[in-house]
């Protein structure tokens, strides 16, 4: 896991680096995991409840919202990459958990 350490007497820049570490190292991968879990849960519900139309539709809705969430997140990371390349900022970071 990514270690986010805050020094004893932090400056404003140190706080920004710490919060960036927390967001990129924990929160964003968690949101990606929730979107993937939502999609998988929808697939499972769709397959298990193939005879009950209301539950089948609920599973389909979970799949659709999971796909929408993943699409939005991937699109946002693509925009971050484009803006980073435009202004020569290192934007090659892909959110992931490190062991």
C-alpha atoms as a PDB file:
ATOM      1  CA  UNK A   1       0.000   0.000   0.000  1.00  0.00           C
ATOM      2  CA  UNK A   2       1.152   3.524  -0.754  1.00  0.00           C
ATOM      3  CA  UNK A   3       2.619   5.177   2.333  1.00  0.00           C
ATOM      4  CA  UNK A   4       1.397   8.738   2.825  1.00  0.00           C
ATOM      5  CA  UNK A   5       3.519  10.390   5.470  1.00  0.00           C
ATOM      6  CA  UNK A   6       3.099  13.872   6.857  1.00  0.00           C
ATOM      7  CA  UNK A   7       6.120  15.529   8.417  1.00  0.00           C
ATOM      8  CA  UNK A   8       6.007  17.029  11.918  1.00  0.00           C
ATOM      9  CA  UNK A   9       5.936  20.701  10.925  1.00  0.00           C
ATOM     10  CA  UNK A  10       4.224  20.682   7.514  1.00  0.00           C
ATOM     11  CA  UNK A  11       4.133  23.560   5.096  1.00  0.00           C
ATOM     12  CA  UNK A  12       1.184  24.161   2.803  1.00  0.00           C
ATOM     13  CA  UNK A  13       2.918  22.322  -0.050  1.00  0.00           C
ATOM     14  CA  UNK A  14       3.516  19.326   2.228  1.00  0.00           C
ATOM     15  CA  UNK A  15      -0.196  19.246   3.053  1.00  0.00           C
ATOM     16  CA  UNK A  16      -1.081  19.329  -0.646  1.00  0.00           C
ATOM     17  CA  UNK A  17       1.313  16.460  -1.377  1.00  0.00           C
ATOM     18  CA  UNK A  18      -0.153  14.500   1.551  1.00  0.00           C
ATOM     19  CA  UNK A  19      -3.752  14.996   0.395  1.00  0.00           C
ATOM     20  CA  UNK A  20      -2.772  14.160  -3.193  1.00  0.00           C
ATOM     21  CA  UNK A  21      -1.211  10.946  -1.922  1.00  0.00           C
ATOM     22  CA  UNK A  22      -4.376  10.076   0.016  1.00  0.00           C
ATOM     23  CA  UNK A  23      -6.648  10.818  -2.937  1.00  0.00           C
ATOM     24  CA  UNK A  24      -4.572   9.090  -5.630  1.00  0.00           C
ATOM     25  CA  UNK A  25      -3.459   6.201  -3.440  1.00  0.00           C
ATOM     26  CA  UNK A  26      -6.699   5.310  -1.699  1.00  0.00           C
ATOM     27  CA  UNK A  27      -9.840   7.165  -2.693  1.00  0.00           C
ATOM     28  CA  UNK A  28      -9.655   6.920  -6.492  1.00  0.00           C
ATOM     29  CA  UNK A  29      -8.810   3.184  -6.542  1.00  0.00           C
ATOM     30  CA  UNK A  30     -11.675   2.634  -4.076  1.00  0.00           C
ATOM     31  CA  UNK A  31     -14.102   4.431  -6.398  1.00  0.00           C
ATOM     32  CA  UNK A  32     -12.891   2.344  -9.360  1.00  0.00           C
ATOM     33  CA  UNK A  33     -13.334  -0.820  -7.284  1.00  0.00           C
ATOM     34  CA  UNK A  34     -16.870   0.196  -6.298  1.00  0.00           C
ATOM     35  CA  UNK A  35     -17.804   0.831  -9.930  1.00  0.00           C
ATOM     36  CA  UNK A  36     -16.435  -2.555 -10.984  1.00  0.00           C
ATOM     37  CA  UNK A  37     -18.176  -4.260  -8.050  1.00  0.00           C
ATOM     38  CA  UNK A  38     -21.431  -2.551  -9.008  1.00  0.00           C
ATOM     39  CA  UNK A  39     -21.160  -3.841 -12.556  1.00  0.00           C
ATOM     40  CA  UNK A  40     -20.335  -7.373 -11.408  1.00  0.00           C
ATOM     41  CA  UNK A  41     -23.173  -7.302  -8.873  1.00  0.00           C
ATOM     42  CA  UNK A  42     -25.536  -6.279 -11.674  1.00  0.00           C
ATOM     43  CA  UNK A  43     -24.350  -9.162 -13.874  1.00  0.00           C
ATOM     44  CA  UNK A  44     -24.827 -11.635 -11.027  1.00  0.00           C
ATOM     45  CA  UNK A  45     -28.310 -10.314 -10.247  1.00  0.00           C
ATOM     46  CA  UNK A  46     -29.248 -10.352 -13.941  1.00  0.00           C
ATOM     47  CA  UNK A  47     -28.163 -13.970 -14.353  1.00  0.00           C
ATOM     48  CA  UNK A  48     -29.535 -15.296 -11.049  1.00  0.00           C
ATOM     49  CA  UNK A  49     -32.923 -13.611 -11.389  1.00  0.00           C
ATOM     50  CA  UNK A  50     -33.508 -14.345 -15.052  1.00  0.00           C
ATOM     51  CA  UNK A  51     -37.095 -15.411 -14.388  1.00  0.00           C
ATOM     52  CA  UNK A  52     -38.148 -12.402 -12.248  1.00  0.00           C
ATOM     53  CA  UNK A  53     -38.464  -9.363 -14.481  1.00  0.00           C
ATOM     54  CA  UNK A  54     -38.284  -6.711 -11.706  1.00  0.00           C
ATOM     55  CA  UNK A  55     -35.075  -8.122 -10.194  1.00  0.00           C
ATOM     56  CA  UNK A  56     -33.641  -8.681 -13.651  1.00  0.00           C
ATOM     57  CA  UNK A  57     -34.261  -5.011 -14.472  1.00  0.00           C
ATOM     58  CA  UNK A  58     -32.620  -3.955 -11.195  1.00  0.00           C
ATOM     59  CA  UNK A  59     -29.538  -6.003 -12.134  1.00  0.00           C
ATOM     60  CA  UNK A  60     -29.510  -4.387 -15.558  1.00  0.00           C
ATOM     61  CA  UNK A  61     -29.646  -0.951 -13.925  1.00  0.00           C
ATOM     62  CA  UNK A  62     -26.617  -1.828 -11.752  1.00  0.00           C
ATOM     63  CA  UNK A  63     -24.723  -2.917 -14.877  1.00  0.00           C
ATOM     64  CA  UNK A  64     -25.603   0.273 -16.723  1.00  0.00           C
ATOM     65  CA  UNK A  65     -24.606   2.549 -13.818  1.00  0.00           C
ATOM     66  CA  UNK A  66     -21.377   0.601 -13.331  1.00  0.00           C
ATOM     67  CA  UNK A  67     -20.493   1.055 -16.999  1.00  0.00           C
ATOM     68  CA  UNK A  68     -21.415   4.751 -16.863  1.00  0.00           C
ATOM     69  CA  UNK A  69     -19.246   5.274 -13.760  1.00  0.00           C
ATOM     70  CA  UNK A  70     -16.264   3.488 -15.324  1.00  0.00           C
ATOM     71  CA  UNK A  71     -16.675   5.420 -18.567  1.00  0.00           C
ATOM     72  CA  UNK A  72     -16.785   8.763 -16.766  1.00  0.00           C
ATOM     73  CA  UNK A  73     -13.710   7.920 -14.673  1.00  0.00           C
ATOM     74  CA  UNK A  74     -11.660   6.710 -17.641  1.00  0.00           C
ATOM     75  CA  UNK A  75     -12.705   9.795 -19.611  1.00  0.00           C
ATOM     76  CA  UNK A  76     -11.628  12.075 -16.763  1.00  0.00           C
ATOM     77  CA  UNK A  77      -8.223  10.376 -16.558  1.00  0.00           C
ATOM     78  CA  UNK A  78      -7.874  10.790 -20.322  1.00  0.00           C
ATOM     79  CA  UNK A  79      -8.591  14.507 -19.989  1.00  0.00           C
ATOM     80  CA  UNK A  80      -6.021  14.741 -17.193  1.00  0.00           C
ATOM     81  CA  UNK A  81      -3.502  13.125 -19.521  1.00  0.00           C
ATOM     82  CA  UNK A  82      -4.320  15.489 -22.400  1.00  0.00           C
ATOM     83  CA  UNK A  83      -4.073  18.582 -20.186  1.00  0.00           C
ATOM     84  CA  UNK A  84      -0.841  17.251 -18.657  1.00  0.00           C
ATOM     85  CA  UNK A  85       0.684  16.702 -22.071  1.00  0.00           C
ATOM     86  CA  UNK A  86      -0.462  20.131 -23.228  1.00  0.00           C
ATOM     87  CA  UNK A  87       1.229  21.911 -20.334  1.00  0.00           C
ATOM     88  CA  UNK A  88       4.192  19.499 -20.023  1.00  0.00           C
ATOM     89  CA  UNK A  89       3.078  18.168 -16.644  1.00  0.00           C
ATOM     90  CA  UNK A  90       3.871  14.598 -15.661  1.00  0.00           C
ATOM     91  CA  UNK A  91       0.428  13.007 -15.947  1.00  0.00           C
ATOM     92  CA  UNK A  92       1.441   9.406 -16.585  1.00  0.00           C
ATOM     93  CA  UNK A  93       0.081   8.418 -13.181  1.00  0.00           C
ATOM     94  CA  UNK A  94      -2.642   5.784 -13.277  1.00  0.00           C
ATOM     95  CA  UNK A  95      -4.478   5.286  -9.975  1.00  0.00           C
ATOM     96  CA  UNK A  96      -3.579   1.945  -8.477  1.00  0.00           C
ATOM     97  CA  UNK A  97      -2.910   0.355  -5.128  1.00  0.00           C
ATOM     98  CA  UNK A  98       0.734  -0.443  -4.468  1.00  0.00           C
ATOM     99  CA  UNK A  99       1.836  -3.291  -2.249  1.00  0.00           C
END
